[in-house]
Amino acid sequence: MNWDLLLAGGDLLDPGTGRTGRHDVAVRDGRIAAVAPALPRDQAAEVVDVTGRLVTPGLVDLHTHVYAGATYWGIDPGPVAWRSGVTTWVDAGSAGAYSYPAFAAMTSGYAVRVPALLNISAVGLIAPVGESRDLANCDVDLATATIRAHRDTIVGIKARMDRNTVGTHGLAPLHRAIEVATTCGLPVMVHIGAAPPSLAQLLPLLRPGDIVTHCASGIAAGSDGFDPATRDAYQAGVLFDIGHGSGGFAYDVVEAQLAAGMPPHTVSTDLHSRSLHGPVFDLPTTMAKLLAVGMSLDQVVAATTVGPARALGLADGVGTLAPGACADIAVFLVEAGRFELSDVHGQRRTSPLRLVNELTYRAGRPLPPRLPHPVPPWIGLTDAQRHALTGRDHTVRNLLTTPLVGPEGLAEQFPRFPRSGG
């Protein structure tokens, strides 16, 4: 056999290589071995027929928080990854210098890939806000030393720049983040939110290739919905990332940016303990929201695969299905219809499509099903969310307490009477 796995008959959409349409994908030793319109099925140890399904590279979520059990925002990615197609979860600043070694040890045990942005504040995201109110936490030398000790996993610097986080220090945390990033040759990701500092103050400091997350934030944009400073930054080469989250995505803002010829470079969830149960849910749902405002499926898949991989310089062929790349693959059913979806402020739009994940492979192996964890006690939920979670628990319990098959589906594993020879 030439291959361990062959995904046969799928509709490929791989913006990183430009391959689209009906293609087979072969995997050997955890890597993409071949991609072609037709590959011989008898050369594979396992053939999975994905006819009529969309096949993409494993999705890359540029903004997540997966330091589970150690921070206010952290979640375990496993229960979401296997049902969403996300194989690369970029942690956006959950850990600072004080805790990064522990974070690296924890995430190395995850089934998914977790490159990380180091928080410029050494304390990281242990609380809802405020990590940079004590400027001593933003220690340039310590952050630089931490990056040099963990260059295999740290791919950028994160700075949350809003009044709740920086307090009276204004732009100082961002200046320090840029100093570290410049020394280490890495991009900065900047969270924007409630001013001060304003967009007009902070965006001109960013360099080409730096990333603004929550780029469609209604809170940061203010009542006008479109800040001219964003156009200048976009034209200067700053990358715009959606970073949906529980407060960072407004339909009217992204629509104004699209009308100005400024589509987001990357589409990410900012999935964390307060957005997991809504309004985000997962990356395919966030992708549908961008389809609802007029982006094409090709654009949205590019913004969740090769786009974030290139933004952070991720190696190993992440975000593509090029031969030789690590075999991270997602398979979706594409449902057409009218799917009403909400932003963080209750504005609604209707998507013509939604992606329903059916298979997720990491390094050529399917991610195993995982049950979700209980909601942390500090997370507020609506009555509707609590009712839905209770109903889901009952449904799962009923599935698992019902015998898997009936008597006709069983075999006698240890025969009582020997079978006579013929």
Protein backbone atom coordinates (compact mmCIF):
# COMPACT_ATOMS: atom_id res chain seq x y z
CA MET A 1 0.00 0.00 0.00
CA ASN A 2 1.28 3.47 -0.91
CA TRP A 3 -0.96 5.40 1.48
CA ASP A 4 -2.45 5.07 4.95
CA LEU A 5 -5.59 7.05 4.10
CA LEU A 6 -7.39 8.23 0.99
CA LEU A 7 -10.19 10.80 1.13
CA ALA A 8 -11.95 10.13 -2.15
CA GLY A 9 -14.38 12.14 -4.23
CA GLY A 10 -14.52 15.36 -2.21
CA ASP A 11 -14.87 18.95 -3.41
CA LEU A 12 -11.53 20.49 -2.49
CA LEU A 13 -11.14 24.13 -1.50
CA ASP A 14 -7.50 24.87 -0.72
CA PRO A 15 -6.73 28.58 -1.25
CA GLY A 16 -3.10 28.10 -0.25
CA THR A 17 -2.34 25.91 -3.27
CA GLY A 18 -5.09 27.17 -5.55
CA ARG A 19 -6.60 23.70 -5.91
CA THR A 20 -10.39 23.58 -6.14
CA GLY A 21 -13.00 21.14 -7.35
CA ARG A 22 -13.14 17.38 -7.26
CA HIS A 23 -9.89 15.95 -5.86
CA ASP A 24 -8.73 12.94 -3.89
CA VAL A 25 -6.35 13.49 -0.97
CA ALA A 26 -3.87 10.78 0.06
CA VAL A 27 -2.06 10.63 3.40
CA ARG A 28 1.06 8.73 4.42
CA ASP A 29 2.85 8.90 7.79
CA GLY A 30 0.77 11.86 8.91
CA ARG A 31 1.52 14.00 5.85
CA ILE A 32 -0.17 14.83 2.58
CA ALA A 33 1.24 12.35 0.07
CA ALA A 34 -0.73 13.21 -3.07
CA VAL A 35 -3.60 15.38 -4.29
CA ALA A 36 -5.17 14.74 -7.68
CA PRO A 37 -8.57 14.58 -9.40
CA ALA A 38 -8.42 10.76 -9.25
CA LEU A 39 -6.10 8.52 -7.24
CA PRO A 40 -6.18 4.69 -7.21
CA ARG A 41 -8.22 3.48 -4.26
CA ASP A 42 -6.48 0.13 -4.13
CA GLN A 43 -3.28 1.86 -3.06
CA ALA A 44 -4.72 2.99 0.30
CA ALA A 45 -5.08 1.01 3.52
CA GLU A 46 -8.23 3.01 4.33
CA VAL A 47 -10.55 4.75 1.89
CA VAL A 48 -13.10 7.30 3.13
CA ASP A 49 -15.69 8.33 0.56
CA VAL A 50 -16.33 12.08 0.94
CA THR A 51 -18.32 12.53 -2.25
CA GLY A 52 -20.49 15.63 -2.05
CA ARG A 53 -18.51 17.03 0.88
CA LEU A 54 -16.26 20.08 1.08
CA VAL A 55 -12.65 19.22 1.93
CA THR A 56 -10.41 22.00 3.28
CA PRO A 57 -7.14 22.24 5.14
CA GLY A 58 -7.60 21.94 8.88
CA LEU A 59 -8.86 25.34 9.99
CA VAL A 60 -6.53 27.79 11.72
CA ASP A 61 -8.19 29.94 14.40
CA LEU A 62 -5.95 32.97 14.88
CA HIS A 63 -7.46 34.09 18.19
CA THR A 64 -8.43 31.63 20.94
CA HIS A 65 -7.83 31.15 24.68
CA VAL A 66 -7.00 27.58 25.64
CA TYR A 67 -5.16 27.83 28.97
CA ALA A 68 -7.90 25.78 30.59
CA GLY A 69 -8.16 25.83 34.38
CA ALA A 70 -5.45 28.46 34.81
CA THR A 71 -7.07 31.66 33.53
CA TYR A 72 -10.43 33.39 33.64
CA TRP A 73 -10.92 32.95 29.90
CA GLY A 74 -9.39 29.53 29.19
CA ILE A 75 -11.17 26.55 27.64
CA ASP A 76 -10.10 23.05 26.61
CA PRO A 77 -10.09 23.02 22.79
CA GLY A 78 -10.65 19.27 22.48
CA PRO A 79 -14.46 19.16 22.83
CA VAL A 80 -14.80 21.81 20.10
CA ALA A 81 -11.97 20.80 17.77
CA TRP A 82 -13.25 17.37 16.76
CA ARG A 83 -16.64 18.79 15.64
CA SER A 84 -15.50 22.08 14.08
CA GLY A 85 -12.57 21.31 11.78
CA VAL A 86 -10.13 23.52 13.72
CA THR A 87 -6.75 21.82 14.04
CA THR A 88 -4.60 24.86 14.86
CA TRP A 89 -5.64 26.97 17.86
CA VAL A 90 -3.53 30.10 18.22
CA ASP A 91 -3.65 31.12 21.87
CA ALA A 92 -3.78 34.92 21.94
CA GLY A 93 -1.97 35.97 25.08
CA SER A 94 -3.45 33.76 27.78
CA ALA A 95 0.02 33.39 29.31
CA GLY A 96 2.67 35.96 30.07
CA ALA A 97 6.26 35.38 31.04
CA TYR A 98 5.45 34.22 34.57
CA SER A 99 3.30 31.29 33.48
CA TYR A 100 4.43 30.53 29.92
CA PRO A 101 6.48 27.42 30.81
CA ALA A 102 3.42 25.88 32.51
CA PHE A 103 1.21 26.89 29.58
CA ALA A 104 3.63 25.28 27.12
CA ALA A 105 3.70 22.07 29.15
CA MET A 106 -0.11 21.90 29.30
CA THR A 107 -0.79 22.63 25.65
CA SER A 108 1.86 20.19 24.43
CA GLY A 109 -0.51 17.47 25.61
CA TYR A 110 -3.41 18.67 23.49
CA ALA A 111 -4.33 16.73 20.36
CA VAL A 112 -4.45 20.00 18.39
CA ARG A 113 -1.64 22.36 17.45
CA VAL A 114 -1.28 25.41 19.78
CA PRO A 115 1.12 28.14 18.64
CA ALA A 116 0.95 31.09 21.01
CA LEU A 117 1.18 34.84 21.35
CA LEU A 118 2.99 35.85 24.53
CA ASN A 119 1.13 38.47 26.56
CA ILE A 120 3.28 41.56 27.06
CA SER A 121 2.03 41.50 30.66
CA ALA A 122 3.87 38.81 32.59
CA VAL A 123 0.73 37.92 34.57
CA GLY A 124 -1.31 37.05 31.47
CA LEU A 125 -5.08 36.72 31.53
CA ILE A 126 -5.68 35.43 35.04
CA ALA A 127 -8.51 37.99 35.49
CA PRO A 128 -11.14 39.52 33.19
CA VAL A 129 -9.15 42.74 32.71
CA GLY A 130 -6.31 44.78 34.15
CA GLU A 131 -3.14 42.83 33.42
CA SER A 132 -1.27 45.99 32.34
CA ARG A 133 -2.47 48.41 35.02
CA ASP A 134 0.81 47.82 36.81
CA LEU A 135 3.31 48.76 34.15
CA ALA A 136 6.00 46.74 35.91
CA ASN A 137 4.22 43.64 34.60
CA CYS A 138 5.13 44.72 31.06
CA ASP A 139 8.78 43.78 31.45
CA VAL A 140 10.57 44.01 28.11
CA ASP A 141 13.66 42.05 29.10
CA LEU A 142 11.65 39.26 30.71
CA ALA A 143 9.31 38.92 27.73
CA THR A 144 12.29 38.84 25.35
CA ALA A 145 14.03 36.14 27.37
CA THR A 146 10.83 34.07 27.50
CA ILE A 147 10.45 34.22 23.73
CA ARG A 148 14.05 33.18 23.17
CA ALA A 149 13.53 30.19 25.44
CA HIS A 150 10.33 29.14 23.61
CA ARG A 151 10.84 30.10 19.97
CA ASP A 152 9.37 26.76 18.92
CA THR A 153 5.89 27.77 20.14
CA ILE A 154 5.77 31.57 20.53
CA VAL A 155 4.83 33.21 17.22
CA GLY A 156 3.93 36.76 18.30
CA ILE A 157 3.20 39.25 21.08
CA LYS A 158 -0.27 40.18 22.40
CA ALA A 159 -1.28 43.49 23.95
CA ARG A 160 -4.81 44.33 25.07
CA MET A 161 -5.22 48.08 24.53
CA ASP A 162 -8.37 49.41 26.15
CA ARG A 163 -9.03 51.57 29.20
CA ASN A 164 -10.00 48.61 31.37
CA THR A 165 -6.65 46.91 30.77
CA VAL A 166 -4.07 49.70 30.57
CA GLY A 167 -5.56 52.01 33.19
CA THR A 168 -3.62 55.31 33.23
CA HIS A 169 -0.69 54.04 31.18
CA GLY A 170 -2.08 54.87 27.75
CA LEU A 171 0.11 53.59 24.94
CA ALA A 172 3.01 52.45 27.13
CA PRO A 173 2.13 48.70 27.07
CA LEU A 174 1.92 48.80 23.27
CA HIS A 175 5.26 50.60 22.98
CA ARG A 176 6.81 47.84 25.10
CA ALA A 177 5.13 45.09 23.07
CA ILE A 178 6.48 46.58 19.83
CA GLU A 179 9.95 46.85 21.35
CA VAL A 180 9.92 43.14 22.22
CA ALA A 181 8.46 42.19 18.84
CA THR A 182 11.04 44.20 16.95
CA THR A 183 13.89 42.62 18.91
CA CYS A 184 12.55 39.12 18.33
CA GLY A 185 11.35 39.58 14.75
CA LEU A 186 7.71 38.80 15.52
CA PRO A 187 4.34 40.46 14.88
CA VAL A 188 2.21 42.16 17.52
CA MET A 189 -1.49 41.42 17.88
CA VAL A 190 -3.41 44.33 19.39
CA HIS A 191 -6.81 43.94 21.02
CA ILE A 192 -8.87 47.12 20.57
CA GLY A 193 -11.84 48.13 22.68
CA ALA A 194 -13.12 50.97 24.81
CA ALA A 195 -10.99 54.12 24.55
CA PRO A 196 -8.67 55.52 25.69
CA PRO A 197 -6.44 54.90 23.89
CA SER A 198 -8.34 55.65 20.71
CA LEU A 199 -7.83 53.99 17.35
CA ALA A 200 -6.35 57.22 16.04
CA GLN A 201 -3.74 57.05 18.80
CA LEU A 202 -2.72 53.40 18.63
CA LEU A 203 -3.11 52.29 15.02
CA PRO A 204 -0.33 54.54 13.61
CA LEU A 205 2.15 52.79 15.93
CA LEU A 206 1.62 49.42 14.25
CA ARG A 207 4.00 48.07 11.64
CA PRO A 208 3.14 46.27 8.41
CA GLY A 209 2.27 42.69 9.35
CA ASP A 210 1.10 43.56 12.85
CA ILE A 211 -2.46 42.44 13.58
CA VAL A 212 -5.53 44.31 14.85
CA THR A 213 -7.95 41.85 16.39
CA HIS A 214 -11.62 42.73 17.03
CA CYS A 215 -11.24 44.78 13.84
CA ALA A 216 -15.04 45.02 13.54
CA SER A 217 -15.56 46.05 17.16
CA GLY A 218 -18.52 48.36 17.58
CA ILE A 219 -17.15 49.46 20.94
CA ALA A 220 -13.81 50.56 19.47
CA ALA A 221 -15.40 52.09 16.35
CA GLY A 222 -17.80 54.29 18.32
CA SER A 223 -21.14 55.63 17.17
CA ASP A 224 -19.99 56.36 13.60
CA GLY A 225 -19.11 52.72 12.94
CA PHE A 226 -16.15 53.56 10.70
CA ASP A 227 -13.00 55.26 11.95
CA PRO A 228 -10.78 56.78 9.21
CA ALA A 229 -7.74 55.61 11.21
CA THR A 230 -8.62 52.05 10.26
CA ARG A 231 -8.36 52.85 6.55
CA ASP A 232 -4.90 54.35 7.01
CA ALA A 233 -3.72 51.32 9.00
CA TYR A 234 -5.18 48.87 6.48
CA GLN A 235 -3.46 50.65 3.59
CA ALA A 236 -0.19 50.68 5.55
CA GLY A 237 -0.18 46.87 5.70
CA VAL A 238 -1.64 46.23 9.15
CA LEU A 239 -3.61 42.98 9.12
CA PHE A 240 -7.26 42.99 10.21
CA ASP A 241 -8.55 40.02 12.21
CA ILE A 242 -12.19 39.51 13.19
CA GLY A 243 -11.62 38.13 16.73
CA HIS A 244 -15.39 37.82 17.31
CA GLY A 245 -15.47 37.12 21.06
CA SER A 246 -18.24 38.21 23.39
CA GLY A 247 -17.87 41.93 22.64
CA GLY A 248 -15.73 42.44 19.54
CA PHE A 249 -17.89 41.92 16.44
CA ALA A 250 -20.58 44.22 15.02
CA TYR A 251 -22.21 43.61 11.66
CA ASP A 252 -22.54 47.30 10.79
CA VAL A 253 -18.82 47.88 11.37
CA VAL A 254 -17.63 44.99 9.20
CA GLU A 255 -20.15 46.00 6.52
CA ALA A 256 -18.70 49.54 6.52
CA GLN A 257 -15.19 48.11 6.18
CA LEU A 258 -16.26 45.84 3.32
CA ALA A 259 -17.90 48.80 1.57
CA ALA A 260 -14.58 50.65 1.91
CA GLY A 261 -12.72 47.77 0.25
CA MET A 262 -11.25 46.48 3.51
CA PRO A 263 -12.20 42.81 3.95
CA PRO A 264 -10.66 41.15 7.01
CA HIS A 265 -7.43 39.32 6.33
CA THR A 266 -8.29 36.65 8.89
CA VAL A 267 -11.48 35.37 10.49
CA SER A 268 -11.11 34.13 14.07
CA THR A 269 -13.38 33.41 17.00
CA ASP A 270 -11.73 34.72 20.17
CA LEU A 271 -13.26 31.54 21.59
CA HIS A 272 -13.11 31.57 25.37
CA SER A 273 -15.17 30.75 28.44
CA ARG A 274 -17.57 33.67 27.89
CA SER A 275 -18.10 33.23 24.14
CA LEU A 276 -18.16 29.43 23.80
CA HIS A 277 -21.87 29.11 24.60
CA GLY A 278 -22.76 32.15 22.51
CA PRO A 279 -22.51 34.43 20.69
CA VAL A 280 -19.53 32.69 19.02
CA PHE A 281 -20.08 28.93 19.50
CA ASP A 282 -17.32 27.87 17.05
CA LEU A 283 -15.35 28.89 13.97
CA PRO A 284 -17.77 27.49 11.33
CA THR A 285 -20.54 29.63 12.87
CA THR A 286 -18.27 32.69 12.74
CA MET A 287 -17.47 31.89 9.11
CA ALA A 288 -21.20 31.84 8.33
CA LYS A 289 -21.53 35.35 9.76
CA LEU A 290 -18.96 36.62 7.28
CA LEU A 291 -20.84 34.86 4.49
CA ALA A 292 -23.94 36.68 5.73
CA VAL A 293 -22.34 40.09 5.08
CA GLY A 294 -21.26 39.22 1.56
CA MET A 295 -17.86 37.56 1.70
CA SER A 296 -17.52 34.54 -0.59
CA LEU A 297 -16.88 31.00 0.63
CA ASP A 298 -13.44 31.13 -1.03
CA GLN A 299 -12.58 34.32 0.86
CA VAL A 300 -13.77 32.97 4.19
CA VAL A 301 -11.91 29.66 3.84
CA ALA A 302 -8.73 31.54 2.87
CA ALA A 303 -9.17 33.73 5.96
CA THR A 304 -9.35 30.64 8.19
CA THR A 305 -6.56 28.59 6.62
CA VAL A 306 -3.66 30.04 4.67
CA GLY A 307 -4.36 33.64 5.77
CA PRO A 308 -3.66 33.15 9.48
CA ALA A 309 -0.86 30.68 8.74
CA ARG A 310 0.94 33.30 6.65
CA ALA A 311 0.21 36.09 9.13
CA LEU A 312 2.14 34.23 11.82
CA GLY A 313 4.65 32.43 9.61
CA LEU A 314 3.42 29.01 10.72
CA ALA A 315 5.60 26.22 9.38
CA ASP A 316 4.92 22.59 8.41
CA GLY A 317 2.47 23.53 5.65
CA VAL A 318 -0.18 24.62 8.15
CA GLY A 319 -3.26 25.97 6.39
CA THR A 320 -2.68 24.07 3.13
CA LEU A 321 -3.01 20.59 1.67
CA ALA A 322 0.21 20.81 -0.29
CA PRO A 323 2.07 17.50 -0.68
CA GLY A 324 4.49 17.21 2.22
CA ALA A 325 2.37 19.32 4.56
CA CYS A 326 1.16 17.92 7.84
CA ALA A 327 -2.15 16.16 7.12
CA ASP A 328 -4.52 18.45 8.99
CA ILE A 329 -7.81 18.11 7.10
CA ALA A 330 -11.43 19.14 7.62
CA VAL A 331 -14.48 17.66 5.89
CA PHE A 332 -17.77 19.58 5.86
CA LEU A 333 -21.31 19.16 4.71
CA VAL A 334 -22.32 22.46 3.09
CA GLU A 335 -25.96 23.22 3.87
CA ALA A 336 -27.79 25.82 1.80
CA GLY A 337 -30.67 27.75 3.31
CA ARG A 338 -31.39 30.84 5.37
CA PHE A 339 -29.53 30.82 8.68
CA GLU A 340 -30.14 33.79 10.96
CA LEU A 341 -27.15 34.70 13.11
CA SER A 342 -26.48 37.43 15.68
CA ASP A 343 -23.48 39.64 16.35
CA VAL A 344 -22.50 40.58 19.92
CA HIS A 345 -25.02 43.46 20.04
CA GLY A 346 -28.08 41.55 18.86
CA GLN A 347 -27.95 42.72 15.25
CA ARG A 348 -28.99 39.90 12.93
CA ARG A 349 -28.05 38.86 9.44
CA THR A 350 -28.90 35.80 7.33
CA SER A 351 -26.27 33.49 5.87
CA PRO A 352 -26.99 31.51 2.70
CA LEU A 353 -24.75 28.65 3.83
CA ARG A 354 -23.48 26.90 6.89
CA LEU A 355 -20.64 24.45 7.25
CA VAL A 356 -21.34 21.31 9.29
CA ASN A 357 -18.15 19.49 10.19
CA GLU A 358 -18.21 15.73 9.66
CA LEU A 359 -14.53 14.76 10.00
CA THR A 360 -11.45 16.46 11.42
CA TYR A 361 -8.00 14.95 10.95
CA ARG A 362 -4.88 16.08 12.80
CA ALA A 363 -1.66 14.67 11.30
CA GLY A 364 -3.73 12.13 9.40
CA ARG A 365 -5.67 10.82 12.37
CA PRO A 366 -9.30 11.65 13.15
CA LEU A 367 -9.73 13.68 16.30
CA PRO A 368 -11.70 11.64 18.83
CA PRO A 369 -15.09 12.79 20.13
CA ARG A 370 -14.88 14.71 23.40
CA LEU A 371 -17.64 15.73 25.79
CA PRO A 372 -17.74 19.41 26.80
CA HIS A 373 -16.73 20.55 30.26
CA PRO A 374 -19.10 22.17 32.78
CA VAL A 375 -19.42 25.94 32.59
CA PRO A 376 -17.16 27.72 35.11
CA PRO A 377 -19.11 29.25 38.01
CA TRP A 378 -18.02 32.81 37.17
CA ILE A 379 -19.61 32.74 33.71
CA GLY A 380 -23.07 34.27 33.49
CA LEU A 381 -25.58 32.52 31.25
CA THR A 382 -29.07 33.42 30.13
CA ASP A 383 -31.99 31.21 31.11
CA ALA A 384 -32.18 30.07 27.50
CA GLN A 385 -28.51 29.04 27.52
CA ARG A 386 -28.91 27.13 30.78
CA HIS A 387 -32.03 25.38 29.50
CA ALA A 388 -30.24 24.43 26.27
CA LEU A 389 -27.24 23.05 28.17
CA THR A 390 -29.51 20.97 30.40
CA GLY A 391 -31.32 19.63 27.33
CA ARG A 392 -28.03 18.75 25.67
CA ASP A 393 -26.86 16.90 28.77
CA HIS A 394 -30.07 14.86 28.80
CA THR A 395 -29.73 14.05 25.10
CA VAL A 396 -26.14 12.88 25.50
CA ARG A 397 -27.02 10.84 28.59
CA ASN A 398 -29.87 9.16 26.73
CA LEU A 399 -27.60 8.32 23.81
CA LEU A 400 -24.98 6.77 26.07
CA THR A 401 -27.30 4.92 28.44
CA THR A 402 -29.17 3.19 25.61
CA PRO A 403 -27.37 -0.05 24.60
CA LEU A 404 -25.29 0.57 21.51
CA VAL A 405 -26.91 -2.25 19.50
CA GLY A 406 -29.65 -4.81 20.02
CA PRO A 407 -29.21 -8.59 20.31
CA GLU A 408 -29.06 -8.93 16.54
CA GLY A 409 -25.99 -6.71 16.46
CA LEU A 410 -23.92 -8.95 18.76
CA ALA A 411 -21.69 -11.98 18.18
CA GLU A 412 -20.77 -14.85 20.50
CA GLN A 413 -17.23 -13.88 21.41
CA PHE A 414 -16.52 -16.97 23.52
CA PRO A 415 -18.56 -19.91 22.15
CA ARG A 416 -20.15 -22.17 24.76
CA PHE A 417 -20.09 -25.19 22.51
CA PRO A 418 -17.21 -25.98 20.13
CA ARG A 419 -18.07 -25.76 16.48
CA SER A 420 -17.82 -29.15 14.76
CA GLY A 421 -15.67 -29.47 11.70
CA GLY A 422 -17.21 -30.24 8.30
